[in-house]
Every structure is written in structure tokens, then in C-alpha cells.
Amino acid sequence: GLRKLIIDGIPHSLRTAITVGIGMFLALVALKSAGVVAAS
């Protein structure tokens, strides 16, 4: 039953940021895989 305690304790702003951050991370991985961005 600790799951509910942990989930309720994490602020909504950080939970939202995790979603957005992973989305940006996936986007960077995708652009690299496609060759749209390259190292400099």
C-alpha cells in the first residue's frame, strides 16, 4: 500500500515535468536516429 503514499506525495508539477522531459528526450533520440541532427 506504499504506492498510494508515494504517488500522492509527488507534486503534480514534477509528475507533469517527467512526462514533458521524457518527450523531449525521445524527440532528441528520434532526430539523431533520423540524421536530422548531428554532432558538432
Full PDB file with SEQRES, HELIX, SHEET, SSBOND, CRYST1, ORIGX, SCALE, CONECT and MASTER records, all heavy atoms in Angstrom:
SEQRES   1 A   40  GLY LEU ARG LYS LEU ILE ILE ASP GLY ILE PRO HIS SER          
SEQRES   2 A   40  LEU ARG THR ALA ILE THR VAL GLY ILE GLY MET PHE LEU          
SEQRES   3 A   40  ALA LEU VAL ALA LEU LYS SER ALA GLY VAL VAL ALA ALA          
SEQRES   4 A   40  SER                                                          
HELIX    1 AA1 LEU A    2  GLY A    9  1                                   8    
HELIX    2 AA2 HIS A   12  ALA A   34  1                                  23    
CRYST1    1.000    1.000    1.000  90.00  90.00  90.00 P 1           1          
ORIGX1      1.000000  0.000000  0.000000        0.00000                         
ORIGX2      0.000000  1.000000  0.000000        0.00000                         
ORIGX3      0.000000  0.000000  1.000000        0.00000                         
SCALE1      1.000000  0.000000  0.000000        0.00000                         
SCALE2      0.000000  1.000000  0.000000        0.00000                         
SCALE3      0.000000  0.000000  1.000000        0.00000                         
ATOM      1  N   GLY A   1       0.797  -1.222   0.000  1.00  0.00           N  
ATOM      2  CA  GLY A   1       0.000   0.000   0.000  1.00  0.00           C  
ATOM      3  C   GLY A   1       0.830   1.272   0.000  1.00  0.00           C  
ATOM      4  O   GLY A   1       0.275   2.376   0.062  1.00  0.00           O  
ATOM      5  N   LEU A   2       2.156   1.146  -0.077  1.00  0.00           N  
ATOM      6  CA  LEU A   2       3.014   2.337  -0.103  1.00  0.00           C  
ATOM      7  C   LEU A   2       2.893   3.104  -1.408  1.00  0.00           C  
ATOM      8  O   LEU A   2       3.224   4.286  -1.472  1.00  0.00           O  
ATOM      9  CB  LEU A   2       4.482   1.932   0.108  1.00  0.00           C  
ATOM     10  CG  LEU A   2       4.856   1.444   1.510  1.00  0.00           C  
ATOM     11  CD1 LEU A   2       6.296   0.939   1.521  1.00  0.00           C  
ATOM     12  CD2 LEU A   2       4.676   2.572   2.525  1.00  0.00           C  
ATOM     13  N   ARG A   3       2.416   2.425  -2.457  1.00  0.00           N  
ATOM     14  CA  ARG A   3       2.293   3.066  -3.767  1.00  0.00           C  
ATOM     15  C   ARG A   3       1.455   4.329  -3.690  1.00  0.00           C  
ATOM     16  O   ARG A   3       1.849   5.381  -4.199  1.00  0.00           O  
ATOM     17  CB  ARG A   3       1.683   2.086  -4.770  1.00  0.00           C  
ATOM     18  CG  ARG A   3       1.372   2.708  -6.135  1.00  0.00           C  
ATOM     19  CD  ARG A   3       0.593   1.724  -6.986  1.00  0.00           C  
ATOM     20  NE  ARG A   3      -0.610   1.258  -6.320  1.00  0.00           N  
ATOM     21  CZ  ARG A   3      -1.768   1.934  -6.313  1.00  0.00           C  
ATOM     22  NH1 ARG A   3      -1.854   3.091  -6.931  1.00  0.00           N  
ATOM     23  NH2 ARG A   3      -2.819   1.455  -5.697  1.00  0.00           N  
ATOM     24  N   LYS A   4       0.308   4.239  -3.031  1.00  0.00           N  
ATOM     25  CA  LYS A   4      -0.581   5.400  -2.943  1.00  0.00           C  
ATOM     26  C   LYS A   4       0.080   6.531  -2.175  1.00  0.00           C  
ATOM     27  O   LYS A   4      -0.041   7.705  -2.556  1.00  0.00           O  
ATOM     28  CB  LYS A   4      -1.894   5.013  -2.260  1.00  0.00           C  
ATOM     29  CG  LYS A   4      -2.937   6.130  -2.252  1.00  0.00           C  
ATOM     30  CD  LYS A   4      -4.243   5.654  -1.624  1.00  0.00           C  
ATOM     31  CE  LYS A   4      -5.323   6.732  -1.771  1.00  0.00           C  
ATOM     32  NZ  LYS A   4      -4.940   8.009  -1.131  1.00  0.00           N  
ATOM     33  N   LEU A   5       0.830   6.183  -1.121  1.00  0.00           N  
ATOM     34  CA  LEU A   5       1.508   7.207  -0.332  1.00  0.00           C  
ATOM     35  C   LEU A   5       2.538   7.945  -1.165  1.00  0.00           C  
ATOM     36  O   LEU A   5       2.632   9.182  -1.116  1.00  0.00           O  
ATOM     37  CB  LEU A   5       2.189   6.551   0.881  1.00  0.00           C  
ATOM     38  CG  LEU A   5       2.959   7.491   1.811  1.00  0.00           C  
ATOM     39  CD1 LEU A   5       2.006   8.459   2.490  1.00  0.00           C  
ATOM     40  CD2 LEU A   5       3.729   6.678   2.854  1.00  0.00           C  
ATOM     41  N   ILE A   6       3.304   7.197  -1.959  1.00  0.00           N  
ATOM     42  CA  ILE A   6       4.347   7.818  -2.785  1.00  0.00           C  
ATOM     43  C   ILE A   6       3.735   8.654  -3.897  1.00  0.00           C  
ATOM     44  O   ILE A   6       4.139   9.794  -4.133  1.00  0.00           O  
ATOM     45  CB  ILE A   6       5.272   6.736  -3.370  1.00  0.00           C  
ATOM     46  CG1 ILE A   6       6.006   6.002  -2.243  1.00  0.00           C  
ATOM     47  CG2 ILE A   6       6.282   7.359  -4.335  1.00  0.00           C  
ATOM     48  CD1 ILE A   6       6.826   4.828  -2.718  1.00  0.00           C  
ATOM     49  N   ILE A   7       2.753   8.093  -4.575  1.00  0.00           N  
ATOM     50  CA  ILE A   7       2.108   8.801  -5.689  1.00  0.00           C  
ATOM     51  C   ILE A   7       1.485  10.102  -5.199  1.00  0.00           C  
ATOM     52  O   ILE A   7       1.641  11.165  -5.822  1.00  0.00           O  
ATOM     53  CB  ILE A   7       1.034   7.920  -6.346  1.00  0.00           C  
ATOM     54  CG1 ILE A   7       1.691   6.790  -7.139  1.00  0.00           C  
ATOM     55  CG2 ILE A   7       0.139   8.746  -7.269  1.00  0.00           C  
ATOM     56  CD1 ILE A   7       2.433   7.233  -8.368  1.00  0.00           C  
ATOM     57  N   ASP A   8       0.765  10.032  -4.068  1.00  0.00           N  
ATOM     58  CA  ASP A   8       0.105  11.226  -3.545  1.00  0.00           C  
ATOM     59  C   ASP A   8       1.116  12.272  -3.088  1.00  0.00           C  
ATOM     60  O   ASP A   8       0.814  13.465  -3.052  1.00  0.00           O  
ATOM     61  CB  ASP A   8      -0.804  10.858  -2.368  1.00  0.00           C  
ATOM     62  CG  ASP A   8      -2.017  10.050  -2.801  1.00  0.00           C  
ATOM     63  OD1 ASP A   8      -2.296  10.025  -4.023  1.00  0.00           O  
ATOM     64  OD2 ASP A   8      -2.664   9.426  -1.935  1.00  0.00           O  
ATOM     65  N   GLY A   9       2.327  11.827  -2.719  1.00  0.00           N  
ATOM     66  CA  GLY A   9       3.315  12.760  -2.199  1.00  0.00           C  
ATOM     67  C   GLY A   9       4.106  13.507  -3.265  1.00  0.00           C  
ATOM     68  O   GLY A   9       4.681  14.558  -2.989  1.00  0.00           O  
ATOM     69  N   ILE A  10       4.169  12.975  -4.489  1.00  0.00           N  
ATOM     70  CA  ILE A  10       4.919  13.634  -5.553  1.00  0.00           C  
ATOM     71  C   ILE A  10       4.066  14.770  -6.123  1.00  0.00           C  
ATOM     72  O   ILE A  10       2.942  14.543  -6.564  1.00  0.00           O  
ATOM     73  CB  ILE A  10       5.276  12.641  -6.681  1.00  0.00           C  
ATOM     74  CG1 ILE A  10       6.026  11.447  -6.101  1.00  0.00           C  
ATOM     75  CG2 ILE A  10       6.102  13.339  -7.752  1.00  0.00           C  
ATOM     76  CD1 ILE A  10       7.290  11.780  -5.377  1.00  0.00           C  
ATOM     77  N   PRO A  11       4.567  16.000  -6.115  1.00  0.00           N  
ATOM     78  CA  PRO A  11       3.761  17.136  -6.605  1.00  0.00           C  
ATOM     79  C   PRO A  11       3.392  16.980  -8.071  1.00  0.00           C  
ATOM     80  O   PRO A  11       4.141  16.416  -8.866  1.00  0.00           O  
ATOM     81  CB  PRO A  11       4.675  18.341  -6.380  1.00  0.00           C  
ATOM     82  CG  PRO A  11       6.054  17.777  -6.281  1.00  0.00           C  
ATOM     83  CD  PRO A  11       5.905  16.423  -5.667  1.00  0.00           C  
ATOM     84  N   HIS A  12       2.235  17.516  -8.400  1.00  0.00           N  
ATOM     85  CA  HIS A  12       1.724  17.409  -9.772  1.00  0.00           C  
ATOM     86  C   HIS A  12       2.682  18.049 -10.770  1.00  0.00           C  
ATOM     87  O   HIS A  12       2.842  17.549 -11.896  1.00  0.00           O  
ATOM     88  CB  HIS A  12       0.354  18.091  -9.855  1.00  0.00           C  
ATOM     89  CG  HIS A  12      -0.217  18.130 -11.236  1.00  0.00           C  
ATOM     90  ND1 HIS A  12      -0.700  17.010 -11.877  1.00  0.00           N  
ATOM     91  CD2 HIS A  12      -0.363  19.160 -12.122  1.00  0.00           C  
ATOM     92  CE1 HIS A  12      -1.130  17.338 -13.086  1.00  0.00           C  
ATOM     93  NE2 HIS A  12      -0.937  18.630 -13.265  1.00  0.00           N  
ATOM     94  N   SER A  13       3.342  19.117 -10.373  1.00  0.00           N  
ATOM     95  CA  SER A  13       4.245  19.812 -11.296  1.00  0.00           C  
ATOM     96  C   SER A  13       5.400  18.911 -11.712  1.00  0.00           C  
ATOM     97  O   SER A  13       5.804  18.903 -12.888  1.00  0.00           O  
ATOM     98  CB  SER A  13       4.789  21.087 -10.645  1.00  0.00           C  
ATOM     99  OG  SER A  13       5.470  20.780  -9.434  1.00  0.00           O  
ATOM    100  N   LEU A  14       5.954  18.138 -10.778  1.00  0.00           N  
ATOM    101  CA  LEU A  14       7.063  17.244 -11.114  1.00  0.00           C  
ATOM    102  C   LEU A  14       6.586  16.059 -11.952  1.00  0.00           C  
ATOM    103  O   LEU A  14       7.289  15.601 -12.858  1.00  0.00           O  
ATOM    104  CB  LEU A  14       7.759  16.757  -9.841  1.00  0.00           C  
ATOM    105  CG  LEU A  14       8.587  17.790  -9.080  1.00  0.00           C  
ATOM    106  CD1 LEU A  14       9.300  17.139  -7.895  1.00  0.00           C  
ATOM    107  CD2 LEU A  14       9.613  18.455 -10.003  1.00  0.00           C  
ATOM    108  N   ARG A  15       5.397  15.552 -11.648  1.00  0.00           N  
ATOM    109  CA  ARG A  15       4.865  14.449 -12.458  1.00  0.00           C  
ATOM    110  C   ARG A  15       4.653  14.901 -13.904  1.00  0.00           C  
ATOM    111  O   ARG A  15       4.927  14.168 -14.853  1.00  0.00           O  
ATOM    112  CB  ARG A  15       3.559  13.934 -11.853  1.00  0.00           C  
ATOM    113  CG  ARG A  15       3.753  12.966 -10.697  1.00  0.00           C  
ATOM    114  CD  ARG A  15       2.431  12.452 -10.177  1.00  0.00           C  
ATOM    115  NE  ARG A  15       1.794  13.416  -9.294  1.00  0.00           N  
ATOM    116  CZ  ARG A  15       0.568  13.277  -8.794  1.00  0.00           C  
ATOM    117  NH1 ARG A  15      -0.159  12.240  -9.121  1.00  0.00           N  
ATOM    118  NH2 ARG A  15       0.071  14.173  -7.985  1.00  0.00           N  
ATOM    119  N   THR A  16       4.153  16.116 -14.049  1.00  0.00           N  
ATOM    120  CA  THR A  16       3.958  16.674 -15.384  1.00  0.00           C  
ATOM    121  C   THR A  16       5.298  16.869 -16.078  1.00  0.00           C  
ATOM    122  O   THR A  16       5.451  16.547 -17.269  1.00  0.00           O  
ATOM    123  CB  THR A  16       3.229  18.028 -15.289  1.00  0.00           C  
ATOM    124  OG1 THR A  16       1.945  17.835 -14.700  1.00  0.00           O  
ATOM    125  CG2 THR A  16       3.073  18.657 -16.669  1.00  0.00           C  
ATOM    126  N   ALA A  17       6.284  17.358 -15.344  1.00  0.00           N  
ATOM    127  CA  ALA A  17       7.603  17.616 -15.927  1.00  0.00           C  
ATOM    128  C   ALA A  17       8.275  16.338 -16.396  1.00  0.00           C  
ATOM    129  O   ALA A  17       9.004  16.338 -17.397  1.00  0.00           O  
ATOM    130  CB  ALA A  17       8.489  18.321 -14.900  1.00  0.00           C  
ATOM    131  N   ILE A  18       8.047  15.249 -15.684  1.00  0.00           N  
ATOM    132  CA  ILE A  18       8.624  13.964 -16.093  1.00  0.00           C  
ATOM    133  C   ILE A  18       8.093  13.571 -17.461  1.00  0.00           C  
ATOM    134  O   ILE A  18       8.843  13.130 -18.335  1.00  0.00           O  
ATOM    135  CB  ILE A  18       8.320  12.877 -15.047  1.00  0.00           C  
ATOM    136  CG1 ILE A  18       9.059  13.190 -13.740  1.00  0.00           C  
ATOM    137  CG2 ILE A  18       8.726  11.499 -15.559  1.00  0.00           C  
ATOM    138  CD1 ILE A  18       8.654  12.298 -12.583  1.00  0.00           C  
ATOM    139  N   THR A  19       6.805  13.742 -17.658  1.00  0.00           N  
ATOM    140  CA  THR A  19       6.195  13.443 -18.953  1.00  0.00           C  
ATOM    141  C   THR A  19       6.812  14.290 -20.054  1.00  0.00           C  
ATOM    142  O   THR A  19       7.227  13.786 -21.102  1.00  0.00           O  
ATOM    143  CB  THR A  19       4.673  13.709 -18.905  1.00  0.00           C  
ATOM    144  OG1 THR A  19       4.087  12.921 -17.882  1.00  0.00           O  
ATOM    145  CG2 THR A  19       4.022  13.399 -20.238  1.00  0.00           C  
ATOM    146  N   VAL A  20       6.884  15.591 -19.812  1.00  0.00           N  
ATOM    147  CA  VAL A  20       7.413  16.518 -20.814  1.00  0.00           C  
ATOM    148  C   VAL A  20       8.889  16.241 -21.085  1.00  0.00           C  
ATOM    149  O   VAL A  20       9.338  16.211 -22.240  1.00  0.00           O  
ATOM    150  CB  VAL A  20       7.217  17.970 -20.353  1.00  0.00           C  
ATOM    151  CG1 VAL A  20       7.875  18.936 -21.328  1.00  0.00           C  
ATOM    152  CG2 VAL A  20       5.728  18.292 -20.211  1.00  0.00           C  
ATOM    153  N   GLY A  21       9.661  16.034 -20.022  1.00  0.00           N  
ATOM    154  CA  GLY A  21      11.087  15.784 -20.186  1.00  0.00           C  
ATOM    155  C   GLY A  21      11.379  14.530 -20.987  1.00  0.00           C  
ATOM    156  O   GLY A  21      12.258  14.523 -21.860  1.00  0.00           O  
ATOM    157  N   ILE A  22      10.652  13.465 -20.716  1.00  0.00           N  
ATOM    158  CA  ILE A  22      10.852  12.233 -21.480  1.00  0.00           C  
ATOM    159  C   ILE A  22      10.438  12.447 -22.931  1.00  0.00           C  
ATOM    160  O   ILE A  22      11.049  11.897 -23.853  1.00  0.00           O  
ATOM    161  CB  ILE A  22      10.082  11.070 -20.829  1.00  0.00           C  
ATOM    162  CG1 ILE A  22      10.715  10.716 -19.486  1.00  0.00           C  
ATOM    163  CG2 ILE A  22      10.061   9.852 -21.740  1.00  0.00           C  
ATOM    164  CD1 ILE A  22      10.041   9.581 -18.758  1.00  0.00           C  
ATOM    165  N   GLY A  23       9.410  13.254 -23.143  1.00  0.00           N  
ATOM    166  CA  GLY A  23       9.011  13.576 -24.512  1.00  0.00           C  
ATOM    167  C   GLY A  23      10.126  14.292 -25.259  1.00  0.00           C  
ATOM    168  O   GLY A  23      10.420  13.965 -26.414  1.00  0.00           O  
ATOM    169  N   MET A  24      10.782  15.250 -24.609  1.00  0.00           N  
ATOM    170  CA  MET A  24      11.891  15.961 -25.236  1.00  0.00           C  
ATOM    171  C   MET A  24      13.087  15.040 -25.464  1.00  0.00           C  
ATOM    172  O   MET A  24      13.782  15.131 -26.479  1.00  0.00           O  
ATOM    173  CB  MET A  24      12.296  17.153 -24.362  1.00  0.00           C  
ATOM    174  CG  MET A  24      11.211  18.220 -24.223  1.00  0.00           C  
ATOM    175  SD  MET A  24      11.602  19.497 -22.999  1.00  0.00           S  
ATOM    176  CE  MET A  24      12.976  20.314 -23.786  1.00  0.00           C  
ATOM    177  N   PHE A  25      13.305  14.130 -24.522  1.00  0.00           N  
ATOM    178  CA  PHE A  25      14.393  13.167 -24.656  1.00  0.00           C  
ATOM    179  C   PHE A  25      14.145  12.246 -25.863  1.00  0.00           C  
ATOM    180  O   PHE A  25      15.043  11.996 -26.670  1.00  0.00           O  
ATOM    181  CB  PHE A  25      14.501  12.349 -23.367  1.00  0.00           C  
ATOM    182  CG  PHE A  25      15.620  11.345 -23.370  1.00  0.00           C  
ATOM    183  CD1 PHE A  25      16.936  11.747 -23.195  1.00  0.00           C  
ATOM    184  CD2 PHE A  25      15.367   9.995 -23.540  1.00  0.00           C  
ATOM    185  CE1 PHE A  25      17.971  10.819 -23.190  1.00  0.00           C  
ATOM    186  CE2 PHE A  25      16.381   9.062 -23.538  1.00  0.00           C  
ATOM    187  CZ  PHE A  25      17.689   9.474 -23.362  1.00  0.00           C  
ATOM    188  N   LEU A  26      12.908  11.754 -25.981  1.00  0.00           N  
ATOM    189  CA  LEU A  26      12.552  10.913 -27.127  1.00  0.00           C  
ATOM    190  C   LEU A  26      12.714  11.677 -28.440  1.00  0.00           C  
ATOM    191  O   LEU A  26      13.165  11.117 -29.442  1.00  0.00           O  
ATOM    192  CB  LEU A  26      11.110  10.418 -26.998  1.00  0.00           C  
ATOM    193  CG  LEU A  26      10.836   9.292 -26.012  1.00  0.00           C  
ATOM    194  CD1 LEU A  26       9.347   8.979 -25.990  1.00  0.00           C  
ATOM    195  CD2 LEU A  26      11.624   8.042 -26.368  1.00  0.00           C  
ATOM    196  N   ALA A  27      12.338  12.949 -28.433  1.00  0.00           N  
ATOM    197  CA  ALA A  27      12.447  13.752 -29.653  1.00  0.00           C  
ATOM    198  C   ALA A  27      13.903  13.891 -30.084  1.00  0.00           C  
ATOM    199  O   ALA A  27      14.223  13.791 -31.275  1.00  0.00           O  
ATOM    200  CB  ALA A  27      11.834  15.139 -29.414  1.00  0.00           C  
ATOM    201  N   LEU A  28      14.804  14.109 -29.121  1.00  0.00           N  
ATOM    202  CA  LEU A  28      16.224  14.229 -29.454  1.00  0.00           C  
ATOM    203  C   LEU A  28      16.771  12.911 -29.997  1.00  0.00           C  
ATOM    204  O   LEU A  28      17.515  12.893 -30.979  1.00  0.00           O  
ATOM    205  CB  LEU A  28      17.014  14.651 -28.208  1.00  0.00           C  
ATOM    206  CG  LEU A  28      18.529  14.815 -28.395  1.00  0.00           C  
ATOM    207  CD1 LEU A  28      18.824  15.851 -29.470  1.00  0.00           C  
ATOM    208  CD2 LEU A  28      19.193  15.206 -27.077  1.00  0.00           C  
ATOM    209  N   VAL A  29      16.379  11.798 -29.369  1.00  0.00           N  
ATOM    210  CA  VAL A  29      16.802  10.477 -29.857  1.00  0.00           C  
ATOM    211  C   VAL A  29      16.303  10.256 -31.281  1.00  0.00           C  
ATOM    212  O   VAL A  29      17.024   9.749 -32.146  1.00  0.00           O  
ATOM    213  CB  VAL A  29      16.277   9.366 -28.925  1.00  0.00           C  
ATOM    214  CG1 VAL A  29      16.479   7.987 -29.560  1.00  0.00           C  
ATOM    215  CG2 VAL A  29      16.972   9.428 -27.572  1.00  0.00           C  
ATOM    216  N   ALA A  30      15.060  10.653 -31.540  1.00  0.00           N  
ATOM    217  CA  ALA A  30      14.467  10.466 -32.867  1.00  0.00           C  
ATOM    218  C   ALA A  30      15.199  11.290 -33.924  1.00  0.00           C  
ATOM    219  O   ALA A  30      15.500  10.802 -35.016  1.00  0.00           O  
ATOM    220  CB  ALA A  30      12.992  10.853 -32.825  1.00  0.00           C  
ATOM    221  N   LEU A  31      15.474  12.546 -33.605  1.00  0.00           N  
ATOM    222  CA  LEU A  31      16.163  13.411 -34.564  1.00  0.00           C  
ATOM    223  C   LEU A  31      17.563  12.891 -34.872  1.00  0.00           C  
ATOM    224  O   LEU A  31      18.035  12.968 -36.006  1.00  0.00           O  
ATOM    225  CB  LEU A  31      16.238  14.835 -34.012  1.00  0.00           C  
ATOM    226  CG  LEU A  31      14.899  15.586 -33.909  1.00  0.00           C  
ATOM    227  CD1 LEU A  31      15.087  16.915 -33.192  1.00  0.00           C  
ATOM    228  CD2 LEU A  31      14.288  15.792 -35.281  1.00  0.00           C  
ATOM    229  N   LYS A  32      18.221  12.338 -33.859  1.00  0.00           N  
ATOM    230  CA  LYS A  32      19.543  11.760 -34.056  1.00  0.00           C  
ATOM    231  C   LYS A  32      19.461  10.497 -34.927  1.00  0.00           C  
ATOM    232  O   LYS A  32      20.265  10.304 -35.838  1.00  0.00           O  
ATOM    233  CB  LYS A  32      20.170  11.431 -32.703  1.00  0.00           C  
ATOM    234  CG  LYS A  32      21.554  10.795 -32.773  1.00  0.00           C  
ATOM    235  CD  LYS A  32      22.105  10.602 -31.364  1.00  0.00           C  
ATOM    236  CE  LYS A  32      23.475   9.916 -31.412  1.00  0.00           C  
ATOM    237  NZ  LYS A  32      23.377   8.513 -31.873  1.00  0.00           N  
ATOM    238  N   SER A  33      18.484   9.637 -34.657  1.00  0.00           N  
ATOM    239  CA  SER A  33      18.322   8.397 -35.427  1.00  0.00           C  
ATOM    240  C   SER A  33      17.996   8.683 -36.888  1.00  0.00           C  
ATOM    241  O   SER A  33      18.420   7.953 -37.778  1.00  0.00           O  
ATOM    242  CB  SER A  33      17.223   7.526 -34.808  1.00  0.00           C  
ATOM    243  OG  SER A  33      17.568   7.131 -33.504  1.00  0.00           O  
ATOM    244  N   ALA A  34      17.255   9.755 -37.123  1.00  0.00           N  
ATOM    245  CA  ALA A  34      16.867  10.106 -38.486  1.00  0.00           C  
ATOM    246  C   ALA A  34      17.985  10.833 -39.226  1.00  0.00           C  
ATOM    247  O   ALA A  34      17.934  10.954 -40.451  1.00  0.00           O  
ATOM    248  CB  ALA A  34      15.622  10.991 -38.458  1.00  0.00           C  
ATOM    249  N   GLY A  35      18.975  11.328 -38.505  1.00  0.00           N  
ATOM    250  CA  GLY A  35      20.051  12.074 -39.140  1.00  0.00           C  
ATOM    251  C   GLY A  35      19.747  13.543 -39.282  1.00  0.00           C  
ATOM    252  O   GLY A  35      20.508  14.284 -39.926  1.00  0.00           O  
ATOM    253  N   VAL A  36      18.653  14.002 -38.670  1.00  0.00           N  
ATOM    254  CA  VAL A  36      18.281  15.409 -38.760  1.00  0.00           C  
ATOM    255  C   VAL A  36      19.250  16.268 -37.953  1.00  0.00           C  
ATOM    256  O   VAL A  36      19.579  17.386 -38.349  1.00  0.00           O  
ATOM    257  CB  VAL A  36      16.835  15.628 -38.269  1.00  0.00           C  
ATOM    258  CG1 VAL A  36      16.475  17.114 -38.279  1.00  0.00           C  
ATOM    259  CG2 VAL A  36      15.855  14.848 -39.142  1.00  0.00           C  
ATOM    260  N   VAL A  37      19.699  15.761 -36.813  1.00  0.00           N  
ATOM    261  CA  VAL A  37      20.720  16.456 -36.042  1.00  0.00           C  
ATOM    262  C   VAL A  37      21.975  15.588 -36.002  1.00  0.00           C  
ATOM    263  O   VAL A  37      21.891  14.360 -36.054  1.00  0.00           O  
ATOM    264  CB  VAL A  37      20.248  16.773 -34.603  1.00  0.00           C  
ATOM    265  CG1 VAL A  37      19.048  17.676 -34.613  1.00  0.00           C  
ATOM    266  CG2 VAL A  37      19.977  15.498 -33.821  1.00  0.00           C  
ATOM    267  N   ALA A  38      23.115  16.238 -35.932  1.00  0.00           N  
ATOM    268  CA  ALA A  38      24.392  15.526 -35.904  1.00  0.00           C  
ATOM    269  C   ALA A  38      25.302  16.192 -34.889  1.00  0.00           C  
ATOM    270  O   ALA A  38      25.055  17.326 -34.447  1.00  0.00           O  
ATOM    271  CB  ALA A  38      25.043  15.541 -37.290  1.00  0.00           C  
ATOM    272  N   ALA A  39      26.353  15.501 -34.487  1.00  0.00           N  
ATOM    273  CA  ALA A  39      27.294  16.049 -33.507  1.00  0.00           C  
ATOM    274  C   ALA A  39      28.107  17.178 -34.114  1.00  0.00           C  
ATOM    275  O   ALA A  39      28.390  17.197 -35.314  1.00  0.00           O  
ATOM    276  CB  ALA A  39      28.221  14.939 -33.019  1.00  0.00           C  
ATOM    277  N   SER A  40      28.480  18.144 -33.251  1.00  0.00           N  
ATOM    278  CA  SER A  40      29.303  19.272 -33.687  1.00  0.00           C  
ATOM    279  C   SER A  40      30.266  19.632 -32.570  1.00  0.00           C  
ATOM    280  O   SER A  40      29.839  19.849 -31.431  1.00  0.00           O  
ATOM    281  CB  SER A  40      28.434  20.484 -34.024  1.00  0.00           C  
ATOM    282  OG  SER A  40      29.228  21.647 -34.169  1.00  0.00           O  
TER     283      SER A  40                                                      
MASTER        0    0    0    2    0    0    0    6  282    1    0    4          
END                                                                             
